[in-house]
PDB file of all heavy atoms in Angstrom:
ATOM      1  N   ASP A   1     -39.164 -67.005  32.040  1.00  0.00           N
ATOM      2  CA  ASP A   1     -40.613 -66.597  31.913  1.00  0.00           C
ATOM      3  C   ASP A   1     -41.443 -67.744  31.943  1.00  0.00           C
ATOM      4  O   ASP A   1     -42.523 -67.712  32.635  1.00  0.00           O
ATOM      5  CB  ASP A   1     -40.726 -65.903  30.561  1.00  0.00           C
ATOM      6  CG  ASP A   1     -40.140 -64.598  30.453  1.00  0.00           C
ATOM      7  OD1 ASP A   1     -39.822 -63.924  31.564  1.00  0.00           O
ATOM      8  OD2 ASP A   1     -39.863 -64.097  29.422  1.00  0.00           O
ATOM      9  N   ILE A   2     -41.087 -68.904  31.305  1.00  0.00           N
ATOM     10  CA  ILE A   2     -41.801 -70.168  31.369  1.00  0.00           C
ATOM     11  C   ILE A   2     -41.934 -70.684  32.806  1.00  0.00           C
ATOM     12  O   ILE A   2     -43.019 -71.097  33.162  1.00  0.00           O
ATOM     13  CB  ILE A   2     -41.302 -71.171  30.348  1.00  0.00           C
ATOM     14  CG1 ILE A   2     -41.341 -70.748  28.921  1.00  0.00           C
ATOM     15  CG2 ILE A   2     -42.066 -72.530  30.570  1.00  0.00           C
ATOM     16  CD1 ILE A   2     -42.791 -70.452  28.391  1.00  0.00           C
ATOM     17  N   ILE A   3     -40.795 -70.757  33.428  1.00  0.00           N
ATOM     18  CA  ILE A   3     -40.754 -71.128  34.823  1.00  0.00           C
ATOM     19  C   ILE A   3     -41.676 -70.295  35.710  1.00  0.00           C
ATOM     20  O   ILE A   3     -42.341 -70.854  36.638  1.00  0.00           O
ATOM     21  CB  ILE A   3     -39.317 -71.133  35.279  1.00  0.00           C
ATOM     22  CG1 ILE A   3     -38.479 -72.240  34.513  1.00  0.00           C
ATOM     23  CG2 ILE A   3     -39.275 -71.428  36.826  1.00  0.00           C
ATOM     24  CD1 ILE A   3     -37.047 -72.123  34.893  1.00  0.00           C
ATOM     25  N   PHE A   4     -41.725 -69.038  35.588  1.00  0.00           N
ATOM     26  CA  PHE A   4     -42.466 -68.149  36.306  1.00  0.00           C
ATOM     27  C   PHE A   4     -44.029 -68.418  36.099  1.00  0.00           C
ATOM     28  O   PHE A   4     -44.736 -68.517  36.996  1.00  0.00           O
ATOM     29  CB  PHE A   4     -42.230 -66.641  35.933  1.00  0.00           C
ATOM     30  CG  PHE A   4     -43.321 -65.632  36.491  1.00  0.00           C
ATOM     31  CD1 PHE A   4     -43.317 -65.316  37.736  1.00  0.00           C
ATOM     32  CD2 PHE A   4     -44.303 -65.202  35.550  1.00  0.00           C
ATOM     33  CE1 PHE A   4     -44.164 -64.465  38.272  1.00  0.00           C
ATOM     34  CE2 PHE A   4     -45.235 -64.366  36.063  1.00  0.00           C
ATOM     35  CZ  PHE A   4     -45.195 -63.873  37.400  1.00  0.00           C
ATOM     36  N   ILE A   5     -44.381 -68.571  34.756  1.00  0.00           N
ATOM     37  CA  ILE A   5     -45.816 -68.983  34.520  1.00  0.00           C
ATOM     38  C   ILE A   5     -46.141 -70.228  35.130  1.00  0.00           C
ATOM     39  O   ILE A   5     -47.260 -70.336  35.749  1.00  0.00           O
ATOM     40  CB  ILE A   5     -46.034 -68.963  33.004  1.00  0.00           C
ATOM     41  CG1 ILE A   5     -45.856 -67.589  32.363  1.00  0.00           C
ATOM     42  CG2 ILE A   5     -47.397 -69.497  32.729  1.00  0.00           C
ATOM     43  CD1 ILE A   5     -46.792 -66.428  32.869  1.00  0.00           C
ATOM     44  N   LYS A   6     -45.412 -71.289  35.029  1.00  0.00           N
ATOM     45  CA  LYS A   6     -45.805 -72.529  35.611  1.00  0.00           C
ATOM     46  C   LYS A   6     -45.808 -72.559  37.171  1.00  0.00           C
ATOM     47  O   LYS A   6     -46.720 -73.167  37.702  1.00  0.00           O
ATOM     48  CB  LYS A   6     -44.693 -73.563  35.154  1.00  0.00           C
ATOM     49  CG  LYS A   6     -44.862 -73.977  33.671  1.00  0.00           C
ATOM     50  CD  LYS A   6     -43.833 -74.981  33.226  1.00  0.00           C
ATOM     51  CE  LYS A   6     -44.011 -76.324  33.841  1.00  0.00           C
ATOM     52  NZ  LYS A   6     -45.211 -76.920  33.307  1.00  0.00           N
ATOM     53  N   SER A   7     -44.934 -71.674  37.719  1.00  0.00           N
ATOM     54  CA  SER A   7     -44.943 -71.506  39.211  1.00  0.00           C
ATOM     55  C   SER A   7     -46.296 -70.779  39.693  1.00  0.00           C
ATOM     56  O   SER A   7     -46.827 -71.196  40.681  1.00  0.00           O
ATOM     57  CB  SER A   7     -43.808 -70.802  39.716  1.00  0.00           C
ATOM     58  OG  SER A   7     -43.814 -69.448  39.320  1.00  0.00           O
ATOM     59  N   LYS A   8     -46.704 -69.870  38.861  1.00  0.00           N
ATOM     60  CA  LYS A   8     -47.940 -69.245  39.269  1.00  0.00           C
ATOM     61  C   LYS A   8     -49.190 -70.079  39.207  1.00  0.00           C
ATOM     62  O   LYS A   8     -50.236 -69.833  39.780  1.00  0.00           O
ATOM     63  CB  LYS A   8     -48.177 -67.930  38.363  1.00  0.00           C
ATOM     64  CG  LYS A   8     -47.161 -66.834  38.582  1.00  0.00           C
ATOM     65  CD  LYS A   8     -47.486 -66.119  39.798  1.00  0.00           C
ATOM     66  CE  LYS A   8     -48.706 -65.313  39.780  1.00  0.00           C
ATOM     67  NZ  LYS A   8     -48.957 -64.391  40.852  1.00  0.00           N
ATOM     68  N   ALA A   9     -49.106 -71.205  38.353  1.00  0.00           N
ATOM     69  CA  ALA A   9     -50.165 -72.041  38.079  1.00  0.00           C
ATOM     70  C   ALA A   9     -50.221 -73.349  38.960  1.00  0.00           C
ATOM     71  O   ALA A   9     -51.033 -74.206  38.803  1.00  0.00           O
ATOM     72  CB  ALA A   9     -50.322 -72.450  36.672  1.00  0.00           C
ATOM     73  N   GLN A  10     -49.250 -73.415  39.833  1.00  0.00           N
ATOM     74  CA  GLN A  10     -49.114 -74.631  40.633  1.00  0.00           C
ATOM     75  C   GLN A  10     -50.293 -74.850  41.612  1.00  0.00           C
ATOM     76  O   GLN A  10     -51.030 -73.831  41.965  1.00  0.00           O
ATOM     77  CB  GLN A  10     -47.857 -74.688  41.456  1.00  0.00           C
ATOM     78  CG  GLN A  10     -46.512 -74.900  40.657  1.00  0.00           C
ATOM     79  CD  GLN A  10     -45.308 -74.953  41.516  1.00  0.00           C
ATOM     80  OE1 GLN A  10     -45.342 -74.392  42.671  1.00  0.00           O
ATOM     81  NE2 GLN A  10     -44.256 -75.423  40.943  1.00  0.00           N
ATOM     82  N   ASN A  11     -50.540 -76.089  41.947  1.00  0.00           N
ATOM     83  CA  ASN A  11     -51.536 -76.379  43.008  1.00  0.00           C
ATOM     84  C   ASN A  11     -52.914 -75.955  42.584  1.00  0.00           C
ATOM     85  O   ASN A  11     -53.622 -75.379  43.412  1.00  0.00           O
ATOM     86  CB  ASN A  11     -51.130 -75.883  44.340  1.00  0.00           C
ATOM     87  CG  ASN A  11     -49.824 -76.383  44.887  1.00  0.00           C
ATOM     88  OD1 ASN A  11     -49.618 -77.603  44.708  1.00  0.00           O
ATOM     89  ND2 ASN A  11     -49.036 -75.461  45.369  1.00  0.00           N
ATOM     90  N   ASN A  12     -53.249 -76.190  41.372  1.00  0.00           N
ATOM     91  CA  ASN A  12     -54.622 -75.815  40.794  1.00  0.00           C
ATOM     92  C   ASN A  12     -55.306 -76.959  40.123  1.00  0.00           C
ATOM     93  O   ASN A  12     -54.678 -77.914  39.674  1.00  0.00           O
ATOM     94  CB  ASN A  12     -54.358 -74.579  39.801  1.00  0.00           C
ATOM     95  CG  ASN A  12     -55.597 -73.812  39.540  1.00  0.00           C
ATOM     96  OD1 ASN A  12     -56.566 -74.228  39.011  1.00  0.00           O
ATOM     97  ND2 ASN A  12     -55.521 -72.531  40.083  1.00  0.00           N
ATOM     98  N   ALA A  13     -56.633 -76.970  40.200  1.00  0.00           N
ATOM     99  CA  ALA A  13     -57.321 -77.935  39.475  1.00  0.00           C
ATOM    100  C   ALA A  13     -57.165 -77.937  38.039  1.00  0.00           C
ATOM    101  O   ALA A  13     -57.210 -79.022  37.334  1.00  0.00           O
ATOM    102  CB  ALA A  13     -58.900 -77.759  39.791  1.00  0.00           C
ATOM    103  N   VAL A  14     -56.869 -76.811  37.490  1.00  0.00           N
ATOM    104  CA  VAL A  14     -56.685 -76.642  35.996  1.00  0.00           C
ATOM    105  C   VAL A  14     -55.175 -76.590  35.712  1.00  0.00           C
ATOM    106  O   VAL A  14     -54.380 -75.832  36.385  1.00  0.00           O
ATOM    107  CB  VAL A  14     -57.262 -75.373  35.502  1.00  0.00           C
ATOM    108  CG1 VAL A  14     -57.051 -75.173  33.993  1.00  0.00           C
ATOM    109  CG2 VAL A  14     -58.772 -75.345  35.804  1.00  0.00           C
ATOM    110  N   GLU A  15     -54.668 -77.420  34.742  1.00  0.00           N
ATOM    111  CA  GLU A  15     -53.233 -77.422  34.314  1.00  0.00           C
ATOM    112  C   GLU A  15     -53.099 -76.340  33.385  1.00  0.00           C
ATOM    113  O   GLU A  15     -53.892 -76.213  32.329  1.00  0.00           O
ATOM    114  CB  GLU A  15     -52.979 -78.760  33.654  1.00  0.00           C
ATOM    115  CG  GLU A  15     -51.519 -78.991  33.264  1.00  0.00           C
ATOM    116  CD  GLU A  15     -51.182 -80.165  32.583  1.00  0.00           C
ATOM    117  OE1 GLU A  15     -52.144 -80.998  32.196  1.00  0.00           O
ATOM    118  OE2 GLU A  15     -50.086 -80.519  32.434  1.00  0.00           O
ATOM    119  N   LEU A  16     -52.059 -75.513  33.479  1.00  0.00           N
ATOM    120  CA  LEU A  16     -51.698 -74.504  32.514  1.00  0.00           C
ATOM    121  C   LEU A  16     -50.550 -74.872  31.740  1.00  0.00           C
ATOM    122  O   LEU A  16     -49.489 -75.248  32.267  1.00  0.00           O
ATOM    123  CB  LEU A  16     -51.509 -73.184  33.209  1.00  0.00           C
ATOM    124  CG  LEU A  16     -51.260 -71.918  32.291  1.00  0.00           C
ATOM    125  CD1 LEU A  16     -51.730 -70.638  33.129  1.00  0.00           C
ATOM    126  CD2 LEU A  16     -49.886 -71.736  32.042  1.00  0.00           C
ATOM    127  N   LEU A  17     -50.734 -74.816  30.424  1.00  0.00           N
ATOM    128  CA  LEU A  17     -49.572 -75.164  29.438  1.00  0.00           C
ATOM    129  C   LEU A  17     -49.086 -73.850  28.806  1.00  0.00           C
ATOM    130  O   LEU A  17     -49.972 -73.259  28.058  1.00  0.00           O
ATOM    131  CB  LEU A  17     -50.094 -76.155  28.353  1.00  0.00           C
ATOM    132  CG  LEU A  17     -50.707 -77.433  28.829  1.00  0.00           C
ATOM    133  CD1 LEU A  17     -51.202 -78.207  27.656  1.00  0.00           C
ATOM    134  CD2 LEU A  17     -49.739 -78.242  29.772  1.00  0.00           C
ATOM    135  N   PRO A  18     -47.937 -73.400  29.114  1.00  0.00           N
ATOM    136  CA  PRO A  18     -47.528 -72.106  28.535  1.00  0.00           C
ATOM    137  C   PRO A  18     -47.014 -72.255  27.105  1.00  0.00           C
ATOM    138  O   PRO A  18     -46.325 -73.177  26.742  1.00  0.00           O
ATOM    139  CB  PRO A  18     -46.255 -71.704  29.472  1.00  0.00           C
ATOM    140  CG  PRO A  18     -45.844 -72.986  30.124  1.00  0.00           C
ATOM    141  CD  PRO A  18     -46.991 -73.967  30.075  1.00  0.00           C
ATOM    142  N   ILE A  19     -47.443 -71.254  26.273  1.00  0.00           N
ATOM    143  CA  ILE A  19     -46.938 -71.153  24.983  1.00  0.00           C
ATOM    144  C   ILE A  19     -46.075 -69.927  24.857  1.00  0.00           C
ATOM    145  O   ILE A  19     -46.407 -68.811  25.217  1.00  0.00           O
ATOM    146  CB  ILE A  19     -48.197 -70.954  23.946  1.00  0.00           C
ATOM    147  CG1 ILE A  19     -49.121 -72.092  23.985  1.00  0.00           C
ATOM    148  CG2 ILE A  19     -47.788 -70.636  22.586  1.00  0.00           C
ATOM    149  CD1 ILE A  19     -50.358 -71.937  23.181  1.00  0.00           C
ATOM    150  N   GLY A  20     -44.792 -70.216  24.553  1.00  0.00           N
ATOM    151  CA  GLY A  20     -43.780 -69.143  24.530  1.00  0.00           C
ATOM    152  C   GLY A  20     -43.939 -68.356  23.238  1.00  0.00           C
ATOM    153  O   GLY A  20     -44.517 -68.789  22.281  1.00  0.00           O
ATOM    154  N   ALA A  21     -43.379 -67.182  23.251  1.00  0.00           N
ATOM    155  CA  ALA A  21     -43.276 -66.348  22.017  1.00  0.00           C
ATOM    156  C   ALA A  21     -42.402 -66.977  21.012  1.00  0.00           C
ATOM    157  O   ALA A  21     -41.302 -67.535  21.450  1.00  0.00           O
ATOM    158  CB  ALA A  21     -42.867 -64.965  22.340  1.00  0.00           C
ATOM    159  N   LEU A  22     -42.681 -66.829  19.752  1.00  0.00           N
ATOM    160  CA  LEU A  22     -41.867 -67.358  18.719  1.00  0.00           C
ATOM    161  C   LEU A  22     -40.607 -66.546  18.501  1.00  0.00           C
ATOM    162  O   LEU A  22     -39.517 -67.058  18.256  1.00  0.00           O
ATOM    163  CB  LEU A  22     -42.649 -67.471  17.352  1.00  0.00           C
ATOM    164  CG  LEU A  22     -41.832 -68.080  16.175  1.00  0.00           C
ATOM    165  CD1 LEU A  22     -41.548 -69.552  16.361  1.00  0.00           C
ATOM    166  CD2 LEU A  22     -42.585 -67.917  14.912  1.00  0.00           C
ATOM    167  N   THR A  23     -40.817 -65.200  18.577  1.00  0.00           N
ATOM    168  CA  THR A  23     -39.646 -64.237  18.365  1.00  0.00           C
ATOM    169  C   THR A  23     -39.430 -63.439  19.617  1.00  0.00           C
ATOM    170  O   THR A  23     -40.349 -63.309  20.443  1.00  0.00           O
ATOM    171  CB  THR A  23     -39.826 -63.416  17.126  1.00  0.00           C
ATOM    172  OG1 THR A  23     -41.084 -62.548  17.365  1.00  0.00           O
ATOM    173  CG2 THR A  23     -40.035 -64.226  15.942  1.00  0.00           C
ATOM    174  N   GLU A  24     -38.288 -62.917  19.804  1.00  0.00           N
ATOM    175  CA  GLU A  24     -38.000 -62.081  20.897  1.00  0.00           C
ATOM    176  C   GLU A  24     -38.939 -60.871  20.997  1.00  0.00           C
ATOM    177  O   GLU A  24     -39.188 -60.125  20.001  1.00  0.00           O
ATOM    178  CB  GLU A  24     -36.615 -61.477  20.767  1.00  0.00           C
ATOM    179  CG  GLU A  24     -35.500 -62.581  20.869  1.00  0.00           C
ATOM    180  CD  GLU A  24     -34.110 -61.963  20.622  1.00  0.00           C
ATOM    181  OE1 GLU A  24     -33.966 -60.751  20.403  1.00  0.00           O
ATOM    182  OE2 GLU A  24     -33.133 -62.690  20.863  1.00  0.00           O
TER     183      GLU A  24
END
């Protein structure tokens, strides 16, 4: 999920830092 989010935000002026869920 984290890899997916980061891939969606590539090549953008704004850097996206993903926060993962604490629990399932």
